[in-house]
Amino acid sequence: MLRAIAIFAALAVLTGAAFAHHGWGSYDAAKAVTVAGPVLTSKFENPHATVTIRGSDKVWTVTLAPTSRMTSRGATAEIVAVGKSVSAYGYPSTVEKDEMRAERITVDGKTYEMR
């Protein structure tokens, strides 16, 4: 009985995580955008790191890669810290106005792949 409860609890956690994660189908890969400017906010947490960047036209919410991928590629929390000047290339959301998914970011002349 205890084993059944443990299995049920594990499945509940995994299922919840799957439902919380969004798919990439809500981003328009046919309309690539580049947003450049200072980082206003930075959340270096899972499931994806997120920054807001003051672009030339508006403030964008930029969804980055999972923190483990970013760290393994050298894009640590300090790289996307508030105040850093960042250029993000990616695809705008078809659902959320002013949001994009970054394919790559450039900080201090160095480019980091997000995918």
PDB file of N, CA and C in Angstrom:
ATOM      1  N   MET A   1       0.819  -1.197   0.000  1.00  0.00           N
ATOM      2  CA  MET A   1       0.000   0.000   0.000  1.00  0.00           C
ATOM      3  C   MET A   1       0.864   1.262   0.000  1.00  0.00           C
ATOM      4  N   LEU A   2       1.911   1.244   0.811  1.00  0.00           N
ATOM      5  CA  LEU A   2       2.805   2.403   0.883  1.00  0.00           C
ATOM      6  C   LEU A   2       3.485   2.651  -0.464  1.00  0.00           C
ATOM      7  N   ARG A   3       3.847   1.561  -1.143  1.00  0.00           N
ATOM      8  CA  ARG A   3       4.469   1.691  -2.458  1.00  0.00           C
ATOM      9  C   ARG A   3       3.492   2.308  -3.460  1.00  0.00           C
ATOM     10  N   ALA A   4       2.237   1.917  -3.406  1.00  0.00           N
ATOM     11  CA  ALA A   4       1.222   2.469  -4.310  1.00  0.00           C
ATOM     12  C   ALA A   4       1.050   3.965  -4.077  1.00  0.00           C
ATOM     13  N   ILE A   5       1.089   4.382  -2.836  1.00  0.00           N
ATOM     14  CA  ILE A   5       0.965   5.811  -2.513  1.00  0.00           C
ATOM     15  C   ILE A   5       2.171   6.570  -3.059  1.00  0.00           C
ATOM     16  N   ALA A   6       3.364   6.012  -2.903  1.00  0.00           N
ATOM     17  CA  ALA A   6       4.573   6.666  -3.403  1.00  0.00           C
ATOM     18  C   ALA A   6       4.538   6.795  -4.923  1.00  0.00           C
ATOM     19  N   ILE A   7       4.087   5.758  -5.610  1.00  0.00           N
ATOM     20  CA  ILE A   7       3.988   5.807  -7.077  1.00  0.00           C
ATOM     21  C   ILE A   7       2.962   6.850  -7.499  1.00  0.00           C
ATOM     22  N   PHE A   8       1.817   6.881  -6.835  1.00  0.00           N
ATOM     23  CA  PHE A   8       0.786   7.866  -7.147  1.00  0.00           C
ATOM     24  C   PHE A   8       1.310   9.286  -6.948  1.00  0.00           C
ATOM     25  N   ALA A   9       2.025   9.508  -5.857  1.00  0.00           N
ATOM     26  CA  ALA A   9       2.570  10.844  -5.580  1.00  0.00           C
ATOM     27  C   ALA A   9       3.580  11.250  -6.653  1.00  0.00           C
ATOM     28  N   ALA A  10       4.441  10.324  -7.059  1.00  0.00           N
ATOM     29  CA  ALA A  10       5.423  10.632  -8.105  1.00  0.00           C
ATOM     30  C   ALA A  10       4.736  10.965  -9.422  1.00  0.00           C
ATOM     31  N   LEU A  11       3.716  10.209  -9.769  1.00  0.00           N
ATOM     32  CA  LEU A  11       2.978  10.483 -11.003  1.00  0.00           C
ATOM     33  C   LEU A  11       2.276  11.834 -10.949  1.00  0.00           C
ATOM     34  N   ALA A  12       1.737  12.175  -9.803  1.00  0.00           N
ATOM     35  CA  ALA A  12       1.054  13.463  -9.652  1.00  0.00           C
ATOM     36  C   ALA A  12       2.031  14.614  -9.856  1.00  0.00           C
ATOM     37  N   VAL A  13       3.229  14.492  -9.300  1.00  0.00           N
ATOM     38  CA  VAL A  13       4.242  15.540  -9.456  1.00  0.00           C
ATOM     39  C   VAL A  13       4.659  15.654 -10.913  1.00  0.00           C
ATOM     40  N   LEU A  14       4.945  14.534 -11.556  1.00  0.00           N
ATOM     41  CA  LEU A  14       5.379  14.556 -12.954  1.00  0.00           C
ATOM     42  C   LEU A  14       4.298  15.078 -13.878  1.00  0.00           C
ATOM     43  N   THR A  15       3.070  14.694 -13.645  1.00  0.00           N
ATOM     44  CA  THR A  15       1.961  15.164 -14.472  1.00  0.00           C
ATOM     45  C   THR A  15       1.763  16.665 -14.297  1.00  0.00           C
ATOM     46  N   GLY A  16       1.853  17.143 -13.074  1.00  0.00           N
ATOM     47  CA  GLY A  16       1.719  18.577 -12.820  1.00  0.00           C
ATOM     48  C   GLY A  16       2.790  19.373 -13.530  1.00  0.00           C
ATOM     49  N   ALA A  17       4.012  18.869 -13.519  1.00  0.00           N
ATOM     50  CA  ALA A  17       5.105  19.564 -14.213  1.00  0.00           C
ATOM     51  C   ALA A  17       4.860  19.592 -15.714  1.00  0.00           C
ATOM     52  N   ALA A  18       4.348  18.510 -16.248  1.00  0.00           N
ATOM     53  CA  ALA A  18       4.079  18.465 -17.689  1.00  0.00           C
ATOM     54  C   ALA A  18       2.996  19.455 -18.073  1.00  0.00           C
ATOM     55  N   PHE A  19       1.963  19.565 -17.270  1.00  0.00           N
ATOM     56  CA  PHE A  19       0.903  20.522 -17.573  1.00  0.00           C
ATOM     57  C   PHE A  19       1.370  21.956 -17.383  1.00  0.00           C
ATOM     58  N   ALA A  20       2.281  22.196 -16.454  1.00  0.00           N
ATOM     59  CA  ALA A  20       2.766  23.553 -16.207  1.00  0.00           C
ATOM     60  C   ALA A  20       3.662  24.036 -17.346  1.00  0.00           C
ATOM     61  N   HIS A  21       4.340  23.121 -18.021  1.00  0.00           N
ATOM     62  CA  HIS A  21       5.237  23.499 -19.106  1.00  0.00           C
ATOM     63  C   HIS A  21       4.433  23.783 -20.363  1.00  0.00           C
ATOM     64  N   HIS A  22       4.760  24.846 -21.039  1.00  0.00           N
ATOM     65  CA  HIS A  22       4.052  25.214 -22.257  1.00  0.00           C
ATOM     66  C   HIS A  22       4.804  24.699 -23.467  1.00  0.00           C
ATOM     67  N   GLY A  23       4.100  24.562 -24.563  1.00  0.00           N
ATOM     68  CA  GLY A  23       4.732  24.138 -25.805  1.00  0.00           C
ATOM     69  C   GLY A  23       5.249  25.337 -26.574  1.00  0.00           C
ATOM     70  N   TRP A  24       6.003  25.063 -27.632  1.00  0.00           N
ATOM     71  CA  TRP A  24       6.568  26.134 -28.439  1.00  0.00           C
ATOM     72  C   TRP A  24       5.674  26.479 -29.622  1.00  0.00           C
ATOM     73  N   GLY A  25       4.523  25.841 -29.763  1.00  0.00           N
ATOM     74  CA  GLY A  25       3.635  26.101 -30.888  1.00  0.00           C
ATOM     75  C   GLY A  25       3.003  27.479 -30.876  1.00  0.00           C
ATOM     76  N   SER A  26       3.065  28.172 -29.764  1.00  0.00           N
ATOM     77  CA  SER A  26       2.436  29.495 -29.673  1.00  0.00           C
ATOM     78  C   SER A  26       3.397  30.633 -30.022  1.00  0.00           C
ATOM     79  N   TYR A  27       4.500  30.302 -30.699  1.00  0.00           N
ATOM     80  CA  TYR A  27       5.454  31.311 -31.144  1.00  0.00           C
ATOM     81  C   TYR A  27       5.537  31.261 -32.664  1.00  0.00           C
ATOM     82  N   ASP A  28       5.605  32.419 -33.304  1.00  0.00           N
ATOM     83  CA  ASP A  28       5.564  32.514 -34.761  1.00  0.00           C
ATOM     84  C   ASP A  28       6.972  32.504 -35.353  1.00  0.00           C
ATOM     85  N   ALA A  29       7.434  31.316 -35.777  1.00  0.00           N
ATOM     86  CA  ALA A  29       8.784  31.167 -36.321  1.00  0.00           C
ATOM     87  C   ALA A  29       8.949  31.856 -37.674  1.00  0.00           C
ATOM     88  N   ALA A  30       7.852  32.281 -38.278  1.00  0.00           N
ATOM     89  CA  ALA A  30       7.934  32.981 -39.570  1.00  0.00           C
ATOM     90  C   ALA A  30       8.194  34.472 -39.397  1.00  0.00           C
ATOM     91  N   LYS A  31       8.141  34.961 -38.169  1.00  0.00           N
ATOM     92  CA  LYS A  31       8.307  36.400 -37.913  1.00  0.00           C
ATOM     93  C   LYS A  31       9.400  36.636 -36.863  1.00  0.00           C
ATOM     94  N   ALA A  32      10.613  36.267 -37.190  1.00  0.00           N
ATOM     95  CA  ALA A  32      11.722  36.437 -36.250  1.00  0.00           C
ATOM     96  C   ALA A  32      11.906  37.912 -35.894  1.00  0.00           C
ATOM     97  N   VAL A  33      12.235  38.163 -34.631  1.00  0.00           N
ATOM     98  CA  VAL A  33      12.483  39.525 -34.160  1.00  0.00           C
ATOM     99  C   VAL A  33      13.793  39.562 -33.382  1.00  0.00           C
ATOM    100  N   THR A  34      14.393  40.740 -33.343  1.00  0.00           N
ATOM    101  CA  THR A  34      15.560  40.977 -32.501  1.00  0.00           C
ATOM    102  C   THR A  34      15.211  42.128 -31.573  1.00  0.00           C
ATOM    103  N   VAL A  35      15.387  41.894 -30.290  1.00  0.00           N
ATOM    104  CA  VAL A  35      15.120  42.907 -29.276  1.00  0.00           C
ATOM    105  C   VAL A  35      16.443  43.207 -28.578  1.00  0.00           C
ATOM    106  N   ALA A  36      16.810  44.471 -28.533  1.00  0.00           N
ATOM    107  CA  ALA A  36      18.065  44.853 -27.895  1.00  0.00           C
ATOM    108  C   ALA A  36      17.809  45.972 -26.901  1.00  0.00           C
ATOM    109  N   GLY A  37      18.457  45.858 -25.749  1.00  0.00           N
ATOM    110  CA  GLY A  37      18.319  46.882 -24.732  1.00  0.00           C
ATOM    111  C   GLY A  37      18.725  46.358 -23.373  1.00  0.00           C
ATOM    112  N   PRO A  38      18.510  47.172 -22.348  1.00  0.00           N
ATOM    113  CA  PRO A  38      18.898  46.764 -21.004  1.00  0.00           C
ATOM    114  C   PRO A  38      17.902  45.774 -20.389  1.00  0.00           C
ATOM    115  N   VAL A  39      18.446  44.880 -19.561  1.00  0.00           N
ATOM    116  CA  VAL A  39      17.616  43.936 -18.813  1.00  0.00           C
ATOM    117  C   VAL A  39      17.001  44.685 -17.636  1.00  0.00           C
ATOM    118  N   LEU A  40      15.667  44.663 -17.557  1.00  0.00           N
ATOM    119  CA  LEU A  40      14.956  45.326 -16.460  1.00  0.00           C
ATOM    120  C   LEU A  40      14.690  44.383 -15.301  1.00  0.00           C
ATOM    121  N   THR A  41      14.331  43.133 -15.615  1.00  0.00           N
ATOM    122  CA  THR A  41      14.121  42.100 -14.596  1.00  0.00           C
ATOM    123  C   THR A  41      14.726  40.806 -15.105  1.00  0.00           C
ATOM    124  N   SER A  42      15.138  39.956 -14.184  1.00  0.00           N
ATOM    125  CA  SER A  42      15.732  38.675 -14.549  1.00  0.00           C
ATOM    126  C   SER A  42      15.313  37.625 -13.540  1.00  0.00           C
ATOM    127  N   LYS A  43      14.766  36.517 -14.053  1.00  0.00           N
ATOM    128  CA  LYS A  43      14.411  35.363 -13.212  1.00  0.00           C
ATOM    129  C   LYS A  43      15.187  34.166 -13.745  1.00  0.00           C
ATOM    130  N   PHE A  44      16.211  33.772 -13.029  1.00  0.00           N
ATOM    131  CA  PHE A  44      17.042  32.637 -13.429  1.00  0.00           C
ATOM    132  C   PHE A  44      16.543  31.424 -12.664  1.00  0.00           C
ATOM    133  N   GLU A  45      15.418  30.874 -13.129  1.00  0.00           N
ATOM    134  CA  GLU A  45      14.778  29.740 -12.453  1.00  0.00           C
ATOM    135  C   GLU A  45      14.092  28.863 -13.491  1.00  0.00           C
ATOM    136  N   ASN A  46      13.783  27.642 -13.092  1.00  0.00           N
ATOM    137  CA  ASN A  46      13.132  26.699 -13.995  1.00  0.00           C
ATOM    138  C   ASN A  46      11.624  26.879 -13.977  1.00  0.00           C
ATOM    139  N   PRO A  47      10.898  26.523 -15.040  1.00  0.00           N
ATOM    140  CA  PRO A  47      11.382  25.693 -16.128  1.00  0.00           C
ATOM    141  C   PRO A  47      12.221  26.452 -17.159  1.00  0.00           C
ATOM    142  N   HIS A  48      12.132  27.773 -17.231  1.00  0.00           N
ATOM    143  CA  HIS A  48      12.929  28.571 -18.159  1.00  0.00           C
ATOM    144  C   HIS A  48      13.302  29.877 -17.481  1.00  0.00           C
ATOM    145  N   ALA A  49      14.507  30.336 -17.755  1.00  0.00           N
ATOM    146  CA  ALA A  49      14.886  31.668 -17.299  1.00  0.00           C
ATOM    147  C   ALA A  49      14.093  32.687 -18.125  1.00  0.00           C
ATOM    148  N   THR A  50      13.822  33.823 -17.528  1.00  0.00           N
ATOM    149  CA  THR A  50      13.042  34.871 -18.189  1.00  0.00           C
ATOM    150  C   THR A  50      13.649  36.221 -17.854  1.00  0.00           C
ATOM    151  N   VAL A  51      13.717  37.088 -18.850  1.00  0.00           N
ATOM    152  CA  VAL A  51      14.152  38.465 -18.626  1.00  0.00           C
ATOM    153  C   VAL A  51      13.143  39.406 -19.275  1.00  0.00           C
ATOM    154  N   THR A  52      13.093  40.618 -18.791  1.00  0.00           N
ATOM    155  CA  THR A  52      12.378  41.664 -19.511  1.00  0.00           C
ATOM    156  C   THR A  52      13.430  42.633 -20.029  1.00  0.00           C
ATOM    157  N   ILE A  53      13.267  43.013 -21.285  1.00  0.00           N
ATOM    158  CA  ILE A  53      14.221  43.891 -21.953  1.00  0.00           C
ATOM    159  C   ILE A  53      13.487  45.113 -22.475  1.00  0.00           C
ATOM    160  N   ARG A  54      14.057  46.293 -22.185  1.00  0.00           N
ATOM    161  CA  ARG A  54      13.481  47.520 -22.732  1.00  0.00           C
ATOM    162  C   ARG A  54      14.005  47.680 -24.150  1.00  0.00           C
ATOM    163  N   GLY A  55      13.176  47.315 -25.128  1.00  0.00           N
ATOM    164  CA  GLY A  55      13.541  47.454 -26.529  1.00  0.00           C
ATOM    165  C   GLY A  55      13.307  48.874 -27.000  1.00  0.00           C
ATOM    166  N   SER A  56      13.544  49.116 -28.258  1.00  0.00           N
ATOM    167  CA  SER A  56      13.364  50.461 -28.799  1.00  0.00           C
ATOM    168  C   SER A  56      11.897  50.852 -28.887  1.00  0.00           C
ATOM    169  N   ASP A  57      11.014  49.858 -28.988  1.00  0.00           N
ATOM    170  CA  ASP A  57       9.587  50.145 -29.157  1.00  0.00           C
ATOM    171  C   ASP A  57       8.731  49.851 -27.936  1.00  0.00           C
ATOM    172  N   LYS A  58       9.172  48.917 -27.087  1.00  0.00           N
ATOM    173  CA  LYS A  58       8.385  48.524 -25.917  1.00  0.00           C
ATOM    174  C   LYS A  58       9.213  47.621 -25.022  1.00  0.00           C
ATOM    175  N   VAL A  59       8.645  47.239 -23.894  1.00  0.00           N
ATOM    176  CA  VAL A  59       9.300  46.294 -22.992  1.00  0.00           C
ATOM    177  C   VAL A  59       8.841  44.889 -23.377  1.00  0.00           C
ATOM    178  N   TRP A  60       9.816  44.004 -23.618  1.00  0.00           N
ATOM    179  CA  TRP A  60       9.551  42.638 -24.022  1.00  0.00           C
ATOM    180  C   TRP A  60       9.835  41.674 -22.878  1.00  0.00           C
ATOM    181  N   THR A  61       9.006  40.655 -22.726  1.00  0.00           N
ATOM    182  CA  THR A  61       9.302  39.527 -21.862  1.00  0.00           C
ATOM    183  C   THR A  61       9.949  38.474 -22.757  1.00  0.00           C
ATOM    184  N   VAL A  62      11.147  38.063 -22.406  1.00  0.00           N
ATOM    185  CA  VAL A  62      11.915  37.133 -23.236  1.00  0.00           C
ATOM    186  C   VAL A  62      12.095  35.820 -22.482  1.00  0.00           C
ATOM    187  N   THR A  63      11.548  34.749 -23.032  1.00  0.00           N
ATOM    188  CA  THR A  63      11.704  33.422 -22.460  1.00  0.00           C
ATOM    189  C   THR A  63      12.998  32.830 -22.983  1.00  0.00           C
ATOM    190  N   LEU A  64      13.856  32.435 -22.056  1.00  0.00           N
ATOM    191  CA  LEU A  64      15.157  31.874 -22.401  1.00  0.00           C
ATOM    192  C   LEU A  64      15.112  30.353 -22.241  1.00  0.00           C
ATOM    193  N   ALA A  65      16.263  29.721 -22.174  1.00  0.00           N
ATOM    194  CA  ALA A  65      16.363  28.268 -22.023  1.00  0.00           C
ATOM    195  C   ALA A  65      16.251  27.878 -20.543  1.00  0.00           C
ATOM    196  N   PRO A  66      16.116  26.579 -20.268  1.00  0.00           N
ATOM    197  CA  PRO A  66      16.208  26.118 -18.878  1.00  0.00           C
ATOM    198  C   PRO A  66      17.575  26.508 -18.300  1.00  0.00           C
ATOM    199  N   THR A  67      17.624  26.737 -17.009  1.00  0.00           N
ATOM    200  CA  THR A  67      18.856  27.220 -16.378  1.00  0.00           C
ATOM    201  C   THR A  67      20.013  26.232 -16.535  1.00  0.00           C
ATOM    202  N   SER A  68      19.739  24.939 -16.533  1.00  0.00           N
ATOM    203  CA  SER A  68      20.825  23.964 -16.687  1.00  0.00           C
ATOM    204  C   SER A  68      21.481  24.096 -18.061  1.00  0.00           C
ATOM    205  N   ARG A  69      20.687  24.301 -19.101  1.00  0.00           N
ATOM    206  CA  ARG A  69      21.242  24.467 -20.454  1.00  0.00           C
ATOM    207  C   ARG A  69      22.015  25.779 -20.549  1.00  0.00           C
ATOM    208  N   MET A  70      21.442  26.831 -19.970  1.00  0.00           N
ATOM    209  CA  MET A  70      22.125  28.125 -20.025  1.00  0.00           C
ATOM    210  C   MET A  70      23.481  28.052 -19.319  1.00  0.00           C
ATOM    211  N   THR A  71      23.495  27.468 -18.134  1.00  0.00           N
ATOM    212  CA  THR A  71      24.734  27.367 -17.366  1.00  0.00           C
ATOM    213  C   THR A  71      25.768  26.535 -18.108  1.00  0.00           C
ATOM    214  N   SER A  72      25.339  25.417 -18.713  1.00  0.00           N
ATOM    215  CA  SER A  72      26.296  24.570 -19.429  1.00  0.00           C
ATOM    216  C   SER A  72      26.881  25.283 -20.649  1.00  0.00           C
ATOM    217  N   ARG A  73      26.193  26.290 -21.155  1.00  0.00           N
ATOM    218  CA  ARG A  73      26.681  27.039 -22.311  1.00  0.00           C
ATOM    219  C   ARG A  73      27.342  28.358 -21.914  1.00  0.00           C
ATOM    220  N   GLY A  74      27.489  28.570 -20.605  1.00  0.00           N
ATOM    221  CA  GLY A  74      28.188  29.753 -20.125  1.00  0.00           C
ATOM    222  C   GLY A  74      27.307  30.954 -19.839  1.00  0.00           C
ATOM    223  N   ALA A  75      26.009  30.821 -20.056  1.00  0.00           N
ATOM    224  CA  ALA A  75      25.085  31.933 -19.813  1.00  0.00           C
ATOM    225  C   ALA A  75      24.534  31.828 -18.390  1.00  0.00           C
ATOM    226  N   THR A  76      25.339  32.236 -17.442  1.00  0.00           N
ATOM    227  CA  THR A  76      24.968  32.167 -16.026  1.00  0.00           C
ATOM    228  C   THR A  76      24.016  33.305 -15.661  1.00  0.00           C
ATOM    229  N   ALA A  77      23.563  33.286 -14.433  1.00  0.00           N
ATOM    230  CA  ALA A  77      22.668  34.342 -13.949  1.00  0.00           C
ATOM    231  C   ALA A  77      23.319  35.719 -14.082  1.00  0.00           C
ATOM    232  N   GLU A  78      24.620  35.797 -13.917  1.00  0.00           N
ATOM    233  CA  GLU A  78      25.326  37.076 -14.027  1.00  0.00           C
ATOM    234  C   GLU A  78      25.305  37.617 -15.462  1.00  0.00           C
ATOM    235  N   ILE A  79      25.242  36.740 -16.431  1.00  0.00           N
ATOM    236  CA  ILE A  79      25.214  37.156 -17.844  1.00  0.00           C
ATOM    237  C   ILE A  79      23.902  37.877 -18.165  1.00  0.00           C
ATOM    238  N   VAL A  80      22.796  37.443 -17.575  1.00  0.00           N
ATOM    239  CA  VAL A  80      21.483  38.041 -17.858  1.00  0.00           C
ATOM    240  C   VAL A  80      20.966  38.849 -16.660  1.00  0.00           C
ATOM    241  N   ALA A  81      21.889  39.412 -15.900  1.00  0.00           N
ATOM    242  CA  ALA A  81      21.525  40.178 -14.710  1.00  0.00           C
ATOM    243  C   ALA A  81      20.904  41.526 -15.083  1.00  0.00           C
ATOM    244  N   VAL A  82      20.129  42.053 -14.172  1.00  0.00           N
ATOM    245  CA  VAL A  82      19.518  43.374 -14.352  1.00  0.00           C
ATOM    246  C   VAL A  82      20.612  44.391 -14.644  1.00  0.00           C
ATOM    247  N   GLY A  83      20.362  45.227 -15.659  1.00  0.00           N
ATOM    248  CA  GLY A  83      21.300  46.265 -16.050  1.00  0.00           C
ATOM    249  C   GLY A  83      22.188  45.891 -17.223  1.00  0.00           C
ATOM    250  N   LYS A  84      22.337  44.591 -17.492  1.00  0.00           N
ATOM    251  CA  LYS A  84      23.144  44.158 -18.638  1.00  0.00           C
ATOM    252  C   LYS A  84      22.450  44.571 -19.933  1.00  0.00           C
ATOM    253  N   SER A  85      23.224  44.878 -20.944  1.00  0.00           N
ATOM    254  CA  SER A  85      22.689  45.180 -22.264  1.00  0.00           C
ATOM    255  C   SER A  85      22.683  43.882 -23.058  1.00  0.00           C
ATOM    256  N   VAL A  86      21.503  43.492 -23.546  1.00  0.00           N
ATOM    257  CA  VAL A  86      21.311  42.193 -24.191  1.00  0.00           C
ATOM    258  C   VAL A  86      20.643  42.388 -25.544  1.00  0.00           C
ATOM    259  N   SER A  87      21.023  41.551 -26.499  1.00  0.00           N
ATOM    260  CA  SER A  87      20.320  41.457 -27.771  1.00  0.00           C
ATOM    261  C   SER A  87      19.775  40.040 -27.852  1.00  0.00           C
ATOM    262  N   ALA A  88      18.475  39.914 -28.038  1.00  0.00           N
ATOM    263  CA  ALA A  88      17.830  38.606 -28.108  1.00  0.00           C
ATOM    264  C   ALA A  88      17.187  38.428 -29.474  1.00  0.00           C
ATOM    265  N   TYR A  89      17.494  37.300 -30.114  1.00  0.00           N
ATOM    266  CA  TYR A  89      16.904  36.958 -31.403  1.00  0.00           C
ATOM    267  C   TYR A  89      15.973  35.772 -31.173  1.00  0.00           C
ATOM    268  N   GLY A  90      14.743  35.875 -31.680  1.00  0.00           N
ATOM    269  CA  GLY A  90      13.803  34.776 -31.500  1.00  0.00           C
ATOM    270  C   GLY A  90      12.471  35.047 -32.151  1.00  0.00           C
ATOM    271  N   TYR A  91      11.439  34.431 -31.596  1.00  0.00           N
ATOM    272  CA  TYR A  91      10.122  34.451 -32.215  1.00  0.00           C
ATOM    273  C   TYR A  91       9.069  35.017 -31.269  1.00  0.00           C
ATOM    274  N   PRO A  92       8.222  35.911 -31.793  1.00  0.00           N
ATOM    275  CA  PRO A  92       7.187  36.514 -30.946  1.00  0.00           C
ATOM    276  C   PRO A  92       6.071  35.531 -30.640  1.00  0.00           C
ATOM    277  N   SER A  93       5.450  35.721 -29.506  1.00  0.00           N
ATOM    278  CA  SER A  93       4.312  34.899 -29.110  1.00  0.00           C
ATOM    279  C   SER A  93       3.092  35.262 -29.931  1.00  0.00           C
ATOM    280  N   THR A  94       2.295  34.271 -30.260  1.00  0.00           N
ATOM    281  CA  THR A  94       1.020  34.510 -30.934  1.00  0.00           C
ATOM    282  C   THR A  94      -0.101  34.667 -29.923  1.00  0.00           C
ATOM    283  N   VAL A  95       0.223  34.461 -28.644  1.00  0.00           N
ATOM    284  CA  VAL A  95      -0.783  34.517 -27.579  1.00  0.00           C
ATOM    285  C   VAL A  95      -0.587  35.725 -26.674  1.00  0.00           C
ATOM    286  N   GLU A  96       0.642  35.912 -26.203  1.00  0.00           N
ATOM    287  CA  GLU A  96       0.954  36.977 -25.256  1.00  0.00           C
ATOM    288  C   GLU A  96       1.629  38.143 -25.967  1.00  0.00           C
ATOM    289  N   LYS A  97       0.982  39.298 -25.947  1.00  0.00           N
ATOM    290  CA  LYS A  97       1.568  40.495 -26.540  1.00  0.00           C
ATOM    291  C   LYS A  97       2.867  40.834 -25.795  1.00  0.00           C
ATOM    292  N   ASP A  98       3.878  41.241 -26.534  1.00  0.00           N
ATOM    293  CA  ASP A  98       5.156  41.679 -25.963  1.00  0.00           C
ATOM    294  C   ASP A  98       5.984  40.542 -25.361  1.00  0.00           C
ATOM    295  N   GLU A  99       5.735  39.299 -25.781  1.00  0.00           N
ATOM    296  CA  GLU A  99       6.543  38.172 -25.312  1.00  0.00           C
ATOM    297  C   GLU A  99       7.214  37.503 -26.505  1.00  0.00           C
ATOM    298  N   MET A 100       8.413  36.982 -26.264  1.00  0.00           N
ATOM    299  CA  MET A 100       9.118  36.238 -27.311  1.00  0.00           C
ATOM    300  C   MET A 100       9.903  35.098 -26.693  1.00  0.00           C
ATOM    301  N   ARG A 101      10.222  34.114 -27.517  1.00  0.00           N
ATOM    302  CA  ARG A 101      11.081  32.989 -27.141  1.00  0.00           C
ATOM    303  C   ARG A 101      12.420  33.211 -27.825  1.00  0.00           C
ATOM    304  N   ALA A 102      13.482  33.275 -27.057  1.00  0.00           N
ATOM    305  CA  ALA A 102      14.801  33.548 -27.626  1.00  0.00           C
ATOM    306  C   ALA A 102      15.448  32.283 -28.162  1.00  0.00           C
ATOM    307  N   GLU A 103      15.992  32.383 -29.357  1.00  0.00           N
ATOM    308  CA  GLU A 103      16.809  31.319 -29.938  1.00  0.00           C
ATOM    309  C   GLU A 103      18.262  31.506 -29.526  1.00  0.00           C
ATOM    310  N   ARG A 104      18.660  32.774 -29.429  1.00  0.00           N
ATOM    311  CA  ARG A 104      20.026  33.094 -28.999  1.00  0.00           C
ATOM    312  C   ARG A 104      20.032  34.491 -28.397  1.00  0.00           C
ATOM    313  N   ILE A 105      21.000  34.727 -27.530  1.00  0.00           N
ATOM    314  CA  ILE A 105      21.189  36.056 -26.959  1.00  0.00           C
ATOM    315  C   ILE A 105      22.654  36.438 -27.113  1.00  0.00           C
ATOM    316  N   THR A 106      22.890  37.721 -27.210  1.00  0.00           N
ATOM    317  CA  THR A 106      24.255  38.233 -27.279  1.00  0.00           C
ATOM    318  C   THR A 106      24.435  39.229 -26.135  1.00  0.00           C
ATOM    319  N   VAL A 107      25.492  39.011 -25.364  1.00  0.00           N
ATOM    320  CA  VAL A 107      25.807  39.865 -24.223  1.00  0.00           C
ATOM    321  C   VAL A 107      27.311  40.135 -24.251  1.00  0.00           C
ATOM    322  N   ASP A 108      27.690  41.399 -24.171  1.00  0.00           N
ATOM    323  CA  ASP A 108      29.110  41.786 -24.167  1.00  0.00           C
ATOM    324  C   ASP A 108      29.863  41.172 -25.352  1.00  0.00           C
ATOM    325  N   GLY A 109      29.221  41.136 -26.514  1.00  0.00           N
ATOM    326  CA  GLY A 109      29.864  40.634 -27.722  1.00  0.00           C
ATOM    327  C   GLY A 109      29.918  39.120 -27.860  1.00  0.00           C
ATOM    328  N   LYS A 110      29.390  38.384 -26.899  1.00  0.00           N
ATOM    329  CA  LYS A 110      29.399  36.933 -26.961  1.00  0.00           C
ATOM    330  C   LYS A 110      27.979  36.419 -27.158  1.00  0.00           C
ATOM    331  N   THR A 111      27.812  35.469 -28.092  1.00  0.00           N
ATOM    332  CA  THR A 111      26.492  34.907 -28.386  1.00  0.00           C
ATOM    333  C   THR A 111      26.337  33.561 -27.698  1.00  0.00           C
ATOM    334  N   TYR A 112      25.172  33.374 -27.076  1.00  0.00           N
ATOM    335  CA  TYR A 112      24.818  32.140 -26.374  1.00  0.00           C
ATOM    336  C   TYR A 112      23.588  31.541 -27.037  1.00  0.00           C
ATOM    337  N   GLU A 113      23.684  30.291 -27.481  1.00  0.00           N
ATOM    338  CA  GLU A 113      22.546  29.594 -28.083  1.00  0.00           C
ATOM    339  C   GLU A 113      21.615  29.106 -26.977  1.00  0.00           C
ATOM    340  N   MET A 114      20.330  29.325 -27.168  1.00  0.00           N
ATOM    341  CA  MET A 114      19.343  28.920 -26.180  1.00  0.00           C
ATOM    342  C   MET A 114      18.720  27.557 -26.506  1.00  0.00           C
ATOM    343  N   ARG A 115      18.753  27.146 -27.752  1.00  0.00           N
ATOM    344  CA  ARG A 115      18.109  25.889 -28.152  1.00  0.00           C
ATOM    345  C   ARG A 115      19.106  24.818 -28.431  1.00  0.00           C
TER     346      ARG A 115
END
